[in-house]
Amino acid sequence: MKDRYFIDTNIWVYAHLKEVGNNKHDRVLSLLERLPILVSSTQILSEYYSVMLKKKVEDVYIQDNIEVIIDIAEIQLIQLTTIRLAHEFKLKYRFSYWDSLVLASSFEGDCEYLLTEDLQDNQIITYQSSQIKVLNPFTNKL
């Protein structure tokens, strides 16, 4: 696990949407360009699609962005093992099922970090002999 960053849905959305009064777009773009290895999952691609549709983004733009994500990130497939591991995280940490599924994919993707604003910044999540550090790119200097 060396310099592998799992990118959550909200980070991709900020990267592709520049909203008035929101400086998160520039911060995220700069960060994504500097990170060595990006990892995401099929869950994230589906959530991204859903969020962008709700924000009234044109379908062709969403599809183009998904192709970019697929090109620049390793995509973890959600397997039965992922779902079972997510259930373990849900019980152990009391996270939502969806956040637990993100964590499970992060571990299966051999990631060292999880970039999200949905979990506690700097929190360390452990599983067997591995750990992932949660980083919020808007409160954490990366």
N, C-alpha and C. Protein backbone atom coordinates (compact mmCIF):
# COMPACT_ATOMS: atom_id res chain seq x y z
N MET A 1 0.85 -1.19 0.00
CA MET A 1 0.00 0.00 0.00
C MET A 1 0.89 1.24 0.00
N LYS A 2 1.21 1.75 -1.15
CA LYS A 2 2.07 2.91 -1.20
C LYS A 2 1.45 3.98 -2.10
N ASP A 3 1.11 5.07 -1.49
CA ASP A 3 0.60 6.23 -2.23
C ASP A 3 -0.60 5.92 -3.12
N ARG A 4 -1.47 5.07 -2.65
CA ARG A 4 -2.70 4.76 -3.38
C ARG A 4 -3.86 5.45 -2.67
N TYR A 5 -4.57 6.29 -3.41
CA TYR A 5 -5.63 7.12 -2.86
C TYR A 5 -6.97 6.70 -3.44
N PHE A 6 -7.87 6.27 -2.57
CA PHE A 6 -9.23 5.96 -3.01
C PHE A 6 -10.01 7.26 -3.04
N ILE A 7 -10.65 7.55 -4.17
CA ILE A 7 -11.36 8.82 -4.36
C ILE A 7 -12.86 8.57 -4.26
N ASP A 8 -13.50 9.23 -3.30
CA ASP A 8 -14.93 9.08 -3.07
C ASP A 8 -15.72 9.94 -4.07
N THR A 9 -16.99 9.67 -4.15
CA THR A 9 -17.88 10.33 -5.11
C THR A 9 -17.82 11.85 -5.03
N ASN A 10 -17.90 12.39 -3.82
CA ASN A 10 -17.97 13.85 -3.69
C ASN A 10 -16.73 14.53 -4.27
N ILE A 11 -15.60 13.88 -4.22
CA ILE A 11 -14.37 14.46 -4.75
C ILE A 11 -14.45 14.55 -6.27
N TRP A 12 -14.93 13.49 -6.92
CA TRP A 12 -15.09 13.52 -8.38
C TRP A 12 -16.12 14.58 -8.79
N VAL A 13 -17.19 14.70 -8.03
CA VAL A 13 -18.22 15.70 -8.37
C VAL A 13 -17.63 17.10 -8.30
N TYR A 14 -16.90 17.41 -7.23
CA TYR A 14 -16.27 18.73 -7.13
C TYR A 14 -15.28 18.96 -8.27
N ALA A 15 -14.60 17.91 -8.70
CA ALA A 15 -13.62 18.04 -9.79
C ALA A 15 -14.29 18.43 -11.10
N HIS A 16 -15.53 18.02 -11.28
CA HIS A 16 -16.20 18.24 -12.56
C HIS A 16 -17.26 19.32 -12.53
N LEU A 17 -17.52 19.90 -11.38
CA LEU A 17 -18.52 20.97 -11.29
C LEU A 17 -17.89 22.20 -10.65
N LYS A 18 -17.99 23.30 -11.32
CA LYS A 18 -17.51 24.55 -10.74
C LYS A 18 -18.75 25.39 -10.44
N GLU A 19 -19.10 25.44 -9.17
CA GLU A 19 -20.29 26.18 -8.75
C GLU A 19 -19.88 27.52 -8.16
N VAL A 20 -20.68 28.52 -8.41
CA VAL A 20 -20.41 29.87 -7.92
C VAL A 20 -20.32 29.85 -6.39
N GLY A 21 -19.29 30.49 -5.86
CA GLY A 21 -19.13 30.58 -4.41
C GLY A 21 -18.52 29.34 -3.78
N ASN A 22 -18.15 28.36 -4.59
CA ASN A 22 -17.59 27.13 -4.05
C ASN A 22 -16.17 26.96 -4.61
N ASN A 23 -15.18 27.07 -3.75
CA ASN A 23 -13.79 26.97 -4.19
C ASN A 23 -13.26 25.54 -4.15
N LYS A 24 -14.12 24.58 -3.90
CA LYS A 24 -13.69 23.19 -3.80
C LYS A 24 -13.23 22.63 -5.15
N HIS A 25 -13.78 23.13 -6.23
CA HIS A 25 -13.43 22.66 -7.57
C HIS A 25 -11.92 22.80 -7.82
N ASP A 26 -11.40 24.00 -7.64
CA ASP A 26 -9.98 24.24 -7.90
C ASP A 26 -9.08 23.43 -6.97
N ARG A 27 -9.47 23.34 -5.73
CA ARG A 27 -8.68 22.58 -4.74
C ARG A 27 -8.59 21.12 -5.14
N VAL A 28 -9.72 20.54 -5.51
CA VAL A 28 -9.76 19.12 -5.88
C VAL A 28 -8.97 18.86 -7.16
N LEU A 29 -9.14 19.71 -8.17
CA LEU A 29 -8.41 19.50 -9.42
C LEU A 29 -6.91 19.52 -9.19
N SER A 30 -6.45 20.48 -8.43
CA SER A 30 -5.02 20.58 -8.13
C SER A 30 -4.54 19.33 -7.40
N LEU A 31 -5.32 18.87 -6.47
CA LEU A 31 -4.96 17.69 -5.69
C LEU A 31 -4.91 16.43 -6.55
N LEU A 32 -5.93 16.22 -7.35
CA LEU A 32 -5.99 15.01 -8.18
C LEU A 32 -4.82 14.94 -9.18
N GLU A 33 -4.38 16.09 -9.63
CA GLU A 33 -3.24 16.13 -10.57
C GLU A 33 -1.94 15.74 -9.88
N ARG A 34 -1.85 15.93 -8.57
CA ARG A 34 -0.61 15.65 -7.84
C ARG A 34 -0.54 14.25 -7.24
N LEU A 35 -1.66 13.60 -7.06
CA LEU A 35 -1.65 12.30 -6.40
C LEU A 35 -1.12 11.23 -7.34
N PRO A 36 -0.30 10.32 -6.82
CA PRO A 36 0.35 9.33 -7.69
C PRO A 36 -0.57 8.26 -8.26
N ILE A 37 -1.36 7.60 -7.41
CA ILE A 37 -2.22 6.51 -7.89
C ILE A 37 -3.64 6.74 -7.36
N LEU A 38 -4.58 6.89 -8.28
CA LEU A 38 -5.98 7.10 -7.94
C LEU A 38 -6.73 5.78 -8.10
N VAL A 39 -7.60 5.51 -7.13
CA VAL A 39 -8.42 4.29 -7.16
C VAL A 39 -9.85 4.71 -6.87
N SER A 40 -10.80 4.06 -7.51
CA SER A 40 -12.22 4.29 -7.24
C SER A 40 -12.93 2.96 -7.45
N SER A 41 -14.25 2.98 -7.52
CA SER A 41 -14.97 1.71 -7.67
C SER A 41 -16.19 1.89 -8.55
N THR A 42 -16.78 0.77 -8.91
CA THR A 42 -18.00 0.82 -9.70
C THR A 42 -19.13 1.48 -8.91
N GLN A 43 -19.13 1.33 -7.62
CA GLN A 43 -20.11 2.04 -6.77
C GLN A 43 -19.97 3.54 -6.95
N ILE A 44 -18.73 4.03 -6.92
CA ILE A 44 -18.47 5.46 -7.04
C ILE A 44 -18.93 5.97 -8.40
N LEU A 45 -18.66 5.22 -9.45
CA LEU A 45 -19.10 5.63 -10.79
C LEU A 45 -20.63 5.75 -10.84
N SER A 46 -21.33 4.81 -10.22
CA SER A 46 -22.80 4.86 -10.20
C SER A 46 -23.32 6.03 -9.37
N GLU A 47 -22.71 6.25 -8.21
CA GLU A 47 -23.12 7.38 -7.37
C GLU A 47 -22.84 8.70 -8.09
N TYR A 48 -21.68 8.79 -8.73
CA TYR A 48 -21.31 10.00 -9.48
C TYR A 48 -22.37 10.30 -10.54
N TYR A 49 -22.75 9.29 -11.29
CA TYR A 49 -23.76 9.45 -12.33
C TYR A 49 -25.06 9.99 -11.73
N SER A 50 -25.49 9.41 -10.63
CA SER A 50 -26.73 9.82 -9.98
C SER A 50 -26.67 11.26 -9.49
N VAL A 51 -25.57 11.63 -8.83
CA VAL A 51 -25.42 12.99 -8.29
C VAL A 51 -25.41 14.02 -9.43
N MET A 52 -24.67 13.72 -10.47
CA MET A 52 -24.57 14.67 -11.59
C MET A 52 -25.92 14.85 -12.29
N LEU A 53 -26.69 13.77 -12.42
CA LEU A 53 -28.04 13.89 -13.00
C LEU A 53 -28.92 14.79 -12.14
N LYS A 54 -28.83 14.63 -10.82
CA LYS A 54 -29.63 15.47 -9.91
C LYS A 54 -29.24 16.93 -10.02
N LYS A 55 -27.98 17.18 -10.40
CA LYS A 55 -27.51 18.55 -10.55
C LYS A 55 -27.77 19.09 -11.95
N LYS A 56 -28.58 18.33 -12.71
CA LYS A 56 -29.03 18.74 -14.05
C LYS A 56 -27.89 18.84 -15.07
N VAL A 57 -26.88 18.01 -14.92
CA VAL A 57 -25.78 17.96 -15.86
C VAL A 57 -26.19 17.08 -17.04
N GLU A 58 -25.82 17.50 -18.25
CA GLU A 58 -26.18 16.74 -19.44
C GLU A 58 -25.53 15.35 -19.43
N ASP A 59 -26.31 14.38 -19.90
CA ASP A 59 -25.87 12.99 -19.87
C ASP A 59 -24.55 12.79 -20.61
N VAL A 60 -24.38 13.43 -21.75
CA VAL A 60 -23.15 13.24 -22.54
C VAL A 60 -21.94 13.75 -21.75
N TYR A 61 -22.09 14.82 -21.00
CA TYR A 61 -21.01 15.35 -20.18
C TYR A 61 -20.68 14.37 -19.05
N ILE A 62 -21.71 13.79 -18.45
CA ILE A 62 -21.50 12.81 -17.38
C ILE A 62 -20.75 11.60 -17.93
N GLN A 63 -21.19 11.10 -19.06
CA GLN A 63 -20.53 9.93 -19.66
C GLN A 63 -19.07 10.22 -20.01
N ASP A 64 -18.82 11.40 -20.55
CA ASP A 64 -17.43 11.79 -20.86
C ASP A 64 -16.58 11.81 -19.59
N ASN A 65 -17.12 12.35 -18.51
CA ASN A 65 -16.38 12.42 -17.26
C ASN A 65 -16.14 11.03 -16.67
N ILE A 66 -17.11 10.17 -16.79
CA ILE A 66 -16.93 8.80 -16.30
C ILE A 66 -15.80 8.12 -17.08
N GLU A 67 -15.73 8.36 -18.36
CA GLU A 67 -14.64 7.79 -19.16
C GLU A 67 -13.29 8.34 -18.70
N VAL A 68 -13.24 9.61 -18.34
CA VAL A 68 -12.00 10.19 -17.83
C VAL A 68 -11.61 9.52 -16.51
N ILE A 69 -12.58 9.35 -15.63
CA ILE A 69 -12.31 8.68 -14.35
C ILE A 69 -11.76 7.28 -14.60
N ILE A 70 -12.38 6.55 -15.50
CA ILE A 70 -11.94 5.19 -15.82
C ILE A 70 -10.52 5.20 -16.37
N ASP A 71 -10.19 6.23 -17.15
CA ASP A 71 -8.86 6.33 -17.74
C ASP A 71 -7.77 6.66 -16.73
N ILE A 72 -8.10 7.48 -15.72
CA ILE A 72 -7.05 7.95 -14.81
C ILE A 72 -7.01 7.22 -13.47
N ALA A 73 -8.03 6.42 -13.20
CA ALA A 73 -8.08 5.72 -11.91
C ALA A 73 -8.23 4.21 -12.12
N GLU A 74 -7.70 3.46 -11.18
CA GLU A 74 -7.98 2.03 -11.16
C GLU A 74 -9.38 1.86 -10.58
N ILE A 75 -10.20 1.07 -11.23
CA ILE A 75 -11.59 0.90 -10.78
C ILE A 75 -11.76 -0.48 -10.16
N GLN A 76 -12.14 -0.47 -8.88
CA GLN A 76 -12.43 -1.70 -8.14
C GLN A 76 -13.86 -2.14 -8.45
N LEU A 77 -14.01 -3.41 -8.79
CA LEU A 77 -15.34 -3.95 -9.01
C LEU A 77 -15.94 -4.38 -7.68
N ILE A 78 -17.23 -4.14 -7.52
CA ILE A 78 -17.92 -4.58 -6.31
C ILE A 78 -18.20 -6.08 -6.47
N GLN A 79 -17.59 -6.86 -5.61
CA GLN A 79 -17.73 -8.31 -5.63
C GLN A 79 -18.49 -8.75 -4.37
N LEU A 80 -18.79 -10.02 -4.29
CA LEU A 80 -19.42 -10.54 -3.07
C LEU A 80 -18.51 -10.33 -1.87
N THR A 81 -17.20 -10.47 -2.07
CA THR A 81 -16.26 -10.25 -0.97
C THR A 81 -16.32 -8.80 -0.49
N THR A 82 -16.52 -7.88 -1.41
CA THR A 82 -16.62 -6.46 -1.06
C THR A 82 -17.84 -6.22 -0.19
N ILE A 83 -18.94 -6.81 -0.57
CA ILE A 83 -20.20 -6.65 0.18
C ILE A 83 -20.07 -7.25 1.58
N ARG A 84 -19.45 -8.40 1.67
CA ARG A 84 -19.27 -9.04 2.99
C ARG A 84 -18.34 -8.23 3.88
N LEU A 85 -17.27 -7.70 3.30
CA LEU A 85 -16.36 -6.86 4.06
C LEU A 85 -17.06 -5.57 4.50
N ALA A 86 -17.88 -5.01 3.63
CA ALA A 86 -18.64 -3.80 3.99
C ALA A 86 -19.52 -4.06 5.20
N HIS A 87 -20.12 -5.23 5.25
CA HIS A 87 -20.97 -5.57 6.39
C HIS A 87 -20.15 -5.62 7.68
N GLU A 88 -18.93 -6.13 7.60
CA GLU A 88 -18.06 -6.15 8.78
C GLU A 88 -17.76 -4.72 9.26
N PHE A 89 -17.45 -3.83 8.32
CA PHE A 89 -17.16 -2.44 8.69
C PHE A 89 -18.40 -1.76 9.27
N LYS A 90 -19.56 -2.05 8.70
CA LYS A 90 -20.80 -1.45 9.20
C LYS A 90 -21.03 -1.84 10.65
N LEU A 91 -20.82 -3.10 10.97
CA LEU A 91 -21.02 -3.57 12.34
C LEU A 91 -19.95 -3.03 13.29
N LYS A 92 -18.70 -3.04 12.84
CA LYS A 92 -17.59 -2.63 13.71
C LYS A 92 -17.57 -1.13 13.96
N TYR A 93 -17.75 -0.33 12.90
CA TYR A 93 -17.60 1.13 13.02
C TYR A 93 -18.92 1.90 13.03
N ARG A 94 -20.00 1.19 12.75
CA ARG A 94 -21.33 1.81 12.71
C ARG A 94 -21.46 2.88 11.64
N PHE A 95 -20.73 2.67 10.53
CA PHE A 95 -20.87 3.55 9.37
C PHE A 95 -22.11 3.14 8.60
N SER A 96 -22.56 4.00 7.69
CA SER A 96 -23.65 3.62 6.79
C SER A 96 -23.16 2.47 5.90
N TYR A 97 -24.09 1.76 5.32
CA TYR A 97 -23.72 0.68 4.41
C TYR A 97 -22.88 1.22 3.26
N TRP A 98 -23.27 2.36 2.70
CA TRP A 98 -22.58 2.91 1.52
C TRP A 98 -21.15 3.34 1.87
N ASP A 99 -20.97 3.98 3.01
CA ASP A 99 -19.61 4.34 3.44
C ASP A 99 -18.79 3.09 3.73
N SER A 100 -19.42 2.08 4.28
CA SER A 100 -18.73 0.82 4.55
C SER A 100 -18.31 0.14 3.25
N LEU A 101 -19.14 0.25 2.23
CA LEU A 101 -18.80 -0.32 0.93
C LEU A 101 -17.61 0.43 0.29
N VAL A 102 -17.57 1.74 0.48
CA VAL A 102 -16.42 2.53 0.02
C VAL A 102 -15.15 2.05 0.73
N LEU A 103 -15.25 1.88 2.03
CA LEU A 103 -14.09 1.39 2.80
C LEU A 103 -13.65 0.01 2.33
N ALA A 104 -14.59 -0.87 2.12
CA ALA A 104 -14.25 -2.22 1.66
C ALA A 104 -13.53 -2.17 0.32
N SER A 105 -14.01 -1.34 -0.58
CA SER A 105 -13.35 -1.19 -1.88
C SER A 105 -11.96 -0.58 -1.72
N SER A 106 -11.81 0.32 -0.78
CA SER A 106 -10.51 0.93 -0.51
C SER A 106 -9.50 -0.12 -0.06
N PHE A 107 -9.93 -0.98 0.83
CA PHE A 107 -9.04 -2.04 1.29
C PHE A 107 -8.74 -3.03 0.17
N GLU A 108 -9.76 -3.41 -0.58
CA GLU A 108 -9.53 -4.35 -1.68
C GLU A 108 -8.64 -3.73 -2.76
N GLY A 109 -8.65 -2.41 -2.86
CA GLY A 109 -7.80 -1.71 -3.82
C GLY A 109 -6.41 -1.43 -3.29
N ASP A 110 -6.12 -1.96 -2.11
CA ASP A 110 -4.80 -1.82 -1.49
C ASP A 110 -4.41 -0.35 -1.30
N CYS A 111 -5.38 0.46 -0.89
CA CYS A 111 -5.15 1.89 -0.72
C CYS A 111 -4.61 2.21 0.66
N GLU A 112 -3.87 3.28 0.71
CA GLU A 112 -3.33 3.79 1.97
C GLU A 112 -4.21 4.92 2.52
N TYR A 113 -4.89 5.61 1.59
CA TYR A 113 -5.70 6.78 1.97
C TYR A 113 -7.07 6.71 1.30
N LEU A 114 -8.05 7.30 1.98
CA LEU A 114 -9.39 7.48 1.44
C LEU A 114 -9.70 8.97 1.46
N LEU A 115 -9.88 9.56 0.29
CA LEU A 115 -10.23 10.98 0.20
C LEU A 115 -11.74 11.13 0.14
N THR A 116 -12.28 11.76 1.18
CA THR A 116 -13.71 11.97 1.27
C THR A 116 -13.98 13.08 2.28
N GLU A 117 -15.14 13.69 2.17
CA GLU A 117 -15.55 14.62 3.22
C GLU A 117 -16.68 14.03 4.05
N ASP A 118 -16.96 12.75 3.82
CA ASP A 118 -18.07 12.09 4.50
C ASP A 118 -17.70 11.41 5.82
N LEU A 119 -16.43 11.18 6.05
CA LEU A 119 -15.99 10.52 7.28
C LEU A 119 -15.05 11.46 8.04
N GLN A 120 -14.72 11.08 9.24
CA GLN A 120 -13.89 11.91 10.12
C GLN A 120 -12.47 12.03 9.57
N ASP A 121 -12.01 13.26 9.40
CA ASP A 121 -10.66 13.52 8.91
C ASP A 121 -9.62 12.92 9.84
N ASN A 122 -8.62 12.31 9.26
CA ASN A 122 -7.49 11.68 9.96
C ASN A 122 -7.85 10.40 10.72
N GLN A 123 -9.07 9.94 10.55
CA GLN A 123 -9.45 8.69 11.20
C GLN A 123 -8.69 7.53 10.56
N ILE A 124 -8.25 6.60 11.38
CA ILE A 124 -7.55 5.41 10.90
C ILE A 124 -8.52 4.23 11.00
N ILE A 125 -8.72 3.55 9.89
CA ILE A 125 -9.58 2.38 9.84
C ILE A 125 -8.67 1.17 9.65
N THR A 126 -8.85 0.17 10.50
CA THR A 126 -7.99 -1.02 10.41
C THR A 126 -8.80 -2.24 10.00
N TYR A 127 -8.11 -3.11 9.29
CA TYR A 127 -8.67 -4.40 8.92
C TYR A 127 -7.51 -5.37 8.80
N GLN A 128 -7.54 -6.39 9.62
CA GLN A 128 -6.46 -7.36 9.71
C GLN A 128 -5.14 -6.61 9.94
N SER A 129 -4.17 -6.75 9.07
CA SER A 129 -2.89 -6.06 9.29
C SER A 129 -2.76 -4.79 8.46
N SER A 130 -3.85 -4.35 7.86
CA SER A 130 -3.83 -3.15 7.01
C SER A 130 -4.58 -2.01 7.67
N GLN A 131 -4.27 -0.81 7.20
CA GLN A 131 -5.02 0.35 7.68
C GLN A 131 -5.15 1.37 6.57
N ILE A 132 -6.20 2.17 6.67
CA ILE A 132 -6.45 3.27 5.74
C ILE A 132 -6.67 4.52 6.57
N LYS A 133 -6.08 5.60 6.12
CA LYS A 133 -6.28 6.89 6.78
C LYS A 133 -7.27 7.70 5.96
N VAL A 134 -8.31 8.19 6.62
CA VAL A 134 -9.31 9.03 5.98
C VAL A 134 -8.78 10.46 5.94
N LEU A 135 -8.85 11.06 4.76
CA LEU A 135 -8.39 12.44 4.59
C LEU A 135 -9.50 13.27 3.94
N ASN A 136 -9.83 14.37 4.59
CA ASN A 136 -10.75 15.33 3.99
C ASN A 136 -9.89 16.39 3.30
N PRO A 137 -9.93 16.48 1.99
CA PRO A 137 -9.05 17.41 1.28
C PRO A 137 -9.33 18.88 1.56
N PHE A 138 -10.43 19.18 2.22
CA PHE A 138 -10.78 20.57 2.48
C PHE A 138 -10.39 21.02 3.89
N THR A 139 -10.03 20.06 4.74
CA THR A 139 -9.57 20.42 6.09
C THR A 139 -8.16 19.92 6.35
N ASN A 140 -7.64 19.13 5.44
CA ASN A 140 -6.34 18.49 5.61
C ASN A 140 -5.38 19.02 4.55
N LYS A 141 -4.21 19.42 4.96
CA LYS A 141 -3.21 19.89 3.99
C LYS A 141 -2.57 18.67 3.33
N LEU A 142 -2.82 18.53 2.06
CA LEU A 142 -2.26 17.39 1.31
C LEU A 142 -1.26 17.90 0.29
